N, C-alpha and C. Protein backbone atom coordinates (compact mmCIF):
# COMPACT_ATOMS: atom_id res chain seq x y z
N MET A 1 82.26 102.38 105.92
CA MET A 1 82.30 101.43 104.85
C MET A 1 82.64 100.08 105.46
N SER A 2 82.06 99.00 104.93
CA SER A 2 82.32 97.67 105.47
C SER A 2 82.71 96.73 104.35
N ALA A 3 83.45 95.70 104.69
CA ALA A 3 83.85 94.69 103.71
C ALA A 3 82.84 93.57 103.75
N ARG A 4 82.62 92.94 102.61
CA ARG A 4 81.72 91.81 102.55
C ARG A 4 82.24 90.85 101.50
N LYS A 5 81.86 89.58 101.63
CA LYS A 5 82.28 88.60 100.66
C LYS A 5 81.21 88.50 99.58
N VAL A 6 81.64 88.44 98.34
CA VAL A 6 80.73 88.36 97.23
C VAL A 6 80.97 87.03 96.52
N GLY A 7 79.90 86.34 96.16
CA GLY A 7 80.02 85.04 95.50
C GLY A 7 80.72 85.13 94.16
N SER A 8 80.02 85.55 93.13
CA SER A 8 80.63 85.67 91.82
C SER A 8 80.61 87.13 91.39
N VAL A 9 81.65 87.50 90.69
CA VAL A 9 81.77 88.89 90.26
C VAL A 9 82.15 88.93 88.79
N GLU A 10 81.63 89.92 88.11
CA GLU A 10 82.02 90.15 86.73
C GLU A 10 83.28 91.00 86.73
N PRO A 11 84.23 90.73 85.86
CA PRO A 11 85.47 91.52 85.84
C PRO A 11 85.25 92.92 85.30
N LEU A 12 86.18 93.81 85.63
CA LEU A 12 86.18 95.16 85.07
C LEU A 12 86.62 95.08 83.61
N GLU A 13 86.49 96.17 82.89
CA GLU A 13 86.88 96.18 81.49
C GLU A 13 88.12 97.01 81.21
N GLN A 14 88.60 97.79 82.17
CA GLN A 14 89.77 98.64 81.99
C GLN A 14 90.89 98.16 82.91
N PRO A 15 92.15 98.39 82.55
CA PRO A 15 93.25 98.03 83.43
C PRO A 15 93.17 98.78 84.77
N VAL A 16 93.69 98.16 85.80
CA VAL A 16 93.72 98.75 87.13
C VAL A 16 95.17 98.95 87.51
N THR A 17 95.51 100.12 88.03
CA THR A 17 96.87 100.41 88.46
C THR A 17 96.93 100.35 89.97
N VAL A 18 97.89 99.60 90.50
CA VAL A 18 98.11 99.46 91.93
C VAL A 18 99.52 99.92 92.24
N GLU A 19 99.69 100.80 93.21
CA GLU A 19 101.01 101.31 93.56
C GLU A 19 101.28 101.17 95.05
N ALA A 20 102.45 100.65 95.38
CA ALA A 20 102.98 100.70 96.74
C ALA A 20 104.21 101.58 96.65
N ARG A 21 104.95 101.71 97.71
CA ARG A 21 106.09 102.65 97.69
C ARG A 21 107.06 102.39 96.55
N GLN A 22 107.42 101.13 96.33
CA GLN A 22 108.40 100.85 95.29
C GLN A 22 107.87 99.90 94.24
N THR A 23 106.56 99.71 94.18
CA THR A 23 105.97 98.79 93.22
C THR A 23 104.81 99.47 92.52
N ARG A 24 104.73 99.28 91.22
CA ARG A 24 103.60 99.79 90.45
C ARG A 24 103.15 98.67 89.53
N LEU A 25 101.88 98.28 89.64
CA LEU A 25 101.33 97.22 88.82
C LEU A 25 100.19 97.78 87.97
N THR A 26 100.11 97.34 86.74
CA THR A 26 98.94 97.58 85.92
C THR A 26 98.33 96.21 85.67
N LEU A 27 97.13 96.02 86.21
CA LEU A 27 96.50 94.70 86.21
C LEU A 27 95.48 94.57 85.10
N ASN A 28 95.40 93.38 84.53
CA ASN A 28 94.36 93.08 83.56
C ASN A 28 93.02 93.06 84.28
N PRO A 29 91.98 93.52 83.65
CA PRO A 29 90.66 93.52 84.28
C PRO A 29 90.21 92.13 84.74
N GLU A 30 90.63 91.08 84.03
CA GLU A 30 90.25 89.72 84.41
C GLU A 30 90.88 89.30 85.74
N ALA A 31 91.93 89.99 86.17
CA ALA A 31 92.64 89.64 87.39
C ALA A 31 92.11 90.39 88.61
N VAL A 32 91.01 91.15 88.43
CA VAL A 32 90.52 92.04 89.48
C VAL A 32 89.07 91.73 89.83
N SER A 33 88.78 91.67 91.13
CA SER A 33 87.40 91.59 91.62
C SER A 33 87.19 92.80 92.52
N LEU A 34 86.29 93.66 92.12
CA LEU A 34 86.03 94.90 92.84
C LEU A 34 84.81 94.72 93.73
N HIS A 35 84.94 95.14 94.98
CA HIS A 35 83.88 95.08 95.96
C HIS A 35 83.64 96.48 96.52
N LYS A 36 82.52 96.67 97.18
CA LYS A 36 82.19 97.98 97.73
C LYS A 36 83.24 98.44 98.75
N GLY A 37 83.79 97.54 99.54
CA GLY A 37 84.73 97.93 100.58
C GLY A 37 86.17 97.58 100.30
N GLY A 38 86.44 96.98 99.12
CA GLY A 38 87.81 96.59 98.85
C GLY A 38 87.98 96.00 97.47
N ILE A 39 89.11 95.36 97.26
CA ILE A 39 89.46 94.81 95.96
C ILE A 39 90.30 93.56 96.17
N GLU A 40 90.16 92.61 95.27
CA GLU A 40 91.00 91.42 95.25
C GLU A 40 91.61 91.33 93.86
N PHE A 41 92.86 90.91 93.79
CA PHE A 41 93.50 90.81 92.49
C PHE A 41 94.60 89.76 92.52
N ARG A 42 94.93 89.26 91.32
CA ARG A 42 96.03 88.33 91.13
C ARG A 42 97.26 89.15 90.74
N SER A 43 98.40 88.75 91.31
CA SER A 43 99.63 89.49 91.06
C SER A 43 100.81 88.54 91.03
N GLN A 44 101.82 88.88 90.26
CA GLN A 44 103.08 88.14 90.28
C GLN A 44 103.99 88.65 91.40
N THR A 45 103.58 89.74 92.04
CA THR A 45 104.33 90.35 93.13
C THR A 45 103.63 90.10 94.46
N ALA A 46 104.36 89.67 95.47
CA ALA A 46 103.79 89.49 96.80
C ALA A 46 103.80 90.82 97.55
N PHE A 47 102.82 91.00 98.42
CA PHE A 47 102.73 92.20 99.24
C PHE A 47 102.57 91.77 100.69
N ALA A 48 103.29 92.44 101.58
CA ALA A 48 103.20 92.15 103.01
C ALA A 48 101.88 92.67 103.56
N PRO A 49 101.31 91.97 104.52
CA PRO A 49 100.08 92.47 105.15
C PRO A 49 100.32 93.85 105.77
N TRP A 50 99.29 94.66 105.75
CA TRP A 50 99.23 96.00 106.33
C TRP A 50 100.02 97.03 105.54
N VAL A 51 100.44 96.69 104.32
CA VAL A 51 101.08 97.67 103.44
C VAL A 51 99.99 98.56 102.85
N GLU A 52 100.20 99.87 102.92
CA GLU A 52 99.24 100.81 102.34
C GLU A 52 99.58 101.00 100.86
N MET A 53 98.55 101.00 100.02
CA MET A 53 98.74 101.13 98.59
C MET A 53 97.75 102.12 98.02
N THR A 54 98.09 102.69 96.87
CA THR A 54 97.21 103.60 96.15
C THR A 54 96.76 102.90 94.87
N LEU A 55 95.47 103.00 94.56
CA LEU A 55 94.92 102.38 93.37
C LEU A 55 94.23 103.43 92.51
N THR A 56 94.28 103.22 91.20
CA THR A 56 93.52 104.04 90.27
C THR A 56 92.61 103.10 89.50
N LEU A 57 91.30 103.30 89.64
CA LEU A 57 90.31 102.49 88.95
C LEU A 57 89.64 103.36 87.90
N GLN A 58 89.35 102.77 86.73
CA GLN A 58 88.72 103.55 85.66
C GLN A 58 87.39 102.90 85.29
N SER A 59 86.35 103.72 85.19
CA SER A 59 85.01 103.24 84.86
C SER A 59 84.96 102.76 83.42
N PRO A 60 84.38 101.57 83.18
CA PRO A 60 84.22 101.10 81.80
C PRO A 60 83.11 101.85 81.07
N VAL A 61 82.25 102.55 81.82
CA VAL A 61 81.11 103.24 81.23
C VAL A 61 81.49 104.62 80.70
N ASP A 62 82.02 105.48 81.58
CA ASP A 62 82.29 106.86 81.17
C ASP A 62 83.76 107.26 81.27
N GLY A 63 84.62 106.34 81.67
CA GLY A 63 86.06 106.61 81.71
C GLY A 63 86.53 107.39 82.92
N THR A 64 85.62 107.75 83.84
CA THR A 64 86.06 108.48 85.03
C THR A 64 86.97 107.60 85.88
N ARG A 65 87.88 108.26 86.55
CA ARG A 65 88.85 107.54 87.38
C ARG A 65 88.56 107.78 88.85
N VAL A 66 88.85 106.75 89.64
CA VAL A 66 88.71 106.85 91.09
C VAL A 66 90.06 106.49 91.70
N ASN A 67 90.60 107.40 92.49
CA ASN A 67 91.83 107.13 93.22
C ASN A 67 91.45 106.67 94.62
N CYS A 68 91.98 105.52 95.02
CA CYS A 68 91.67 104.93 96.32
C CYS A 68 92.95 104.60 97.06
N THR A 69 92.86 104.63 98.36
CA THR A 69 93.94 104.16 99.21
C THR A 69 93.42 102.93 99.94
N GLY A 70 94.25 101.92 100.04
CA GLY A 70 93.84 100.70 100.71
C GLY A 70 94.99 100.07 101.46
N VAL A 71 94.63 99.05 102.25
CA VAL A 71 95.61 98.32 103.03
C VAL A 71 95.48 96.84 102.68
N VAL A 72 96.60 96.18 102.44
CA VAL A 72 96.61 94.75 102.15
C VAL A 72 96.25 94.00 103.43
N VAL A 73 95.23 93.16 103.36
CA VAL A 73 94.83 92.38 104.52
C VAL A 73 95.18 90.91 104.36
N ASP A 74 95.47 90.49 103.11
CA ASP A 74 95.84 89.09 102.89
C ASP A 74 96.58 88.98 101.57
N CYS A 75 97.58 88.10 101.54
CA CYS A 75 98.32 87.82 100.32
C CYS A 75 98.77 86.37 100.40
N GLN A 76 98.16 85.54 99.54
CA GLN A 76 98.48 84.11 99.56
C GLN A 76 98.94 83.66 98.19
N GLY A 77 99.85 82.70 98.16
CA GLY A 77 100.36 82.15 96.91
C GLY A 77 101.86 82.00 96.96
N ASN A 78 102.45 81.89 95.79
CA ASN A 78 103.91 81.78 95.69
C ASN A 78 104.37 82.32 94.36
N LYS A 79 105.69 82.38 94.18
CA LYS A 79 106.24 83.00 92.97
C LYS A 79 105.98 82.17 91.71
N HIS A 80 105.63 80.91 91.86
CA HIS A 80 105.40 80.06 90.71
C HIS A 80 103.99 80.20 90.12
N VAL A 81 102.99 80.34 90.99
CA VAL A 81 101.60 80.44 90.51
C VAL A 81 101.02 81.83 90.67
N GLY A 82 101.74 82.72 91.34
CA GLY A 82 101.24 84.07 91.57
C GLY A 82 100.59 84.20 92.94
N TYR A 83 100.12 85.39 93.24
CA TYR A 83 99.58 85.70 94.55
C TYR A 83 98.15 86.23 94.42
N HIS A 84 97.32 85.87 95.38
CA HIS A 84 95.96 86.41 95.48
C HIS A 84 96.01 87.45 96.60
N VAL A 85 95.81 88.72 96.24
CA VAL A 85 95.94 89.83 97.18
C VAL A 85 94.55 90.39 97.50
N SER A 86 94.27 90.58 98.78
CA SER A 86 93.01 91.18 99.22
C SER A 86 93.32 92.47 99.95
N MET A 87 92.59 93.53 99.57
CA MET A 87 92.77 94.85 100.18
C MET A 87 91.43 95.40 100.62
N VAL A 88 91.45 96.22 101.67
CA VAL A 88 90.28 97.00 102.05
C VAL A 88 90.61 98.46 101.81
N PHE A 89 89.61 99.23 101.38
CA PHE A 89 89.81 100.65 101.13
C PHE A 89 89.77 101.42 102.45
N THR A 90 90.57 102.47 102.52
CA THR A 90 90.62 103.32 103.71
C THR A 90 90.56 104.78 103.31
N SER A 91 90.13 105.62 104.21
CA SER A 91 90.18 107.08 104.05
C SER A 91 89.68 107.58 102.70
N MET A 92 88.49 107.19 102.32
CA MET A 92 87.94 107.64 101.04
C MET A 92 87.05 108.86 101.25
N SER A 93 87.15 109.80 100.34
CA SER A 93 86.25 110.96 100.38
C SER A 93 84.86 110.49 99.97
N LYS A 94 83.86 111.28 100.29
CA LYS A 94 82.48 110.95 99.91
C LYS A 94 82.35 110.87 98.38
N GLN A 95 83.04 111.76 97.68
CA GLN A 95 83.00 111.76 96.23
C GLN A 95 83.62 110.48 95.66
N ALA A 96 84.78 110.09 96.18
CA ALA A 96 85.44 108.86 95.71
C ALA A 96 84.59 107.64 96.05
N GLU A 97 83.97 107.65 97.22
CA GLU A 97 83.11 106.54 97.62
C GLU A 97 81.90 106.42 96.68
N ALA A 98 81.32 107.54 96.28
CA ALA A 98 80.19 107.52 95.35
C ALA A 98 80.62 106.99 93.99
N ARG A 99 81.79 107.41 93.50
CA ARG A 99 82.30 106.90 92.22
C ARG A 99 82.58 105.41 92.30
N LEU A 100 83.15 104.97 93.43
CA LEU A 100 83.43 103.55 93.61
C LEU A 100 82.14 102.74 93.60
N ASN A 101 81.11 103.24 94.27
CA ASN A 101 79.81 102.55 94.26
C ASN A 101 79.28 102.41 92.84
N THR A 102 79.47 103.43 92.02
CA THR A 102 79.04 103.37 90.62
C THR A 102 79.84 102.30 89.87
N LEU A 103 81.14 102.24 90.12
CA LEU A 103 81.97 101.21 89.48
C LEU A 103 81.53 99.82 89.89
N VAL A 104 81.25 99.64 91.17
CA VAL A 104 80.83 98.33 91.66
C VAL A 104 79.52 97.93 90.98
N GLN A 105 78.60 98.85 90.84
CA GLN A 105 77.31 98.55 90.21
C GLN A 105 77.48 98.22 88.72
N THR A 106 78.37 98.91 88.03
CA THR A 106 78.58 98.64 86.61
C THR A 106 79.34 97.34 86.40
N SER A 107 79.98 96.84 87.46
CA SER A 107 80.68 95.56 87.37
C SER A 107 79.77 94.41 87.76
N ALA A 108 78.48 94.68 87.91
CA ALA A 108 77.45 93.68 88.22
C ALA A 108 77.68 93.00 89.56
N ILE A 109 78.09 93.75 90.55
CA ILE A 109 78.26 93.20 91.89
C ILE A 109 77.01 93.48 92.67
């Protein structure tokens, strides 16, 4: 799997849950940009680079869920305006990768 930059993306329609060891976020769909190899989101919580996190994504079409593991590769911002977090997905099963590809396509990426 490879990461790529995407110009404009349509937001998801369901909340996204992001979990690190001691942090659990439920993100508004407008705060999330889903890519084939990763995810970007706005957060009020900062994350250190190379922190491994677990995500649960839900399809707006059929409600299926995809559990993903990822690593934070960038986190910029501050506590006043929030943080822009970029993650790449790691160690995905073929089944999870296929579901993620379906989610990316339904998000008009």
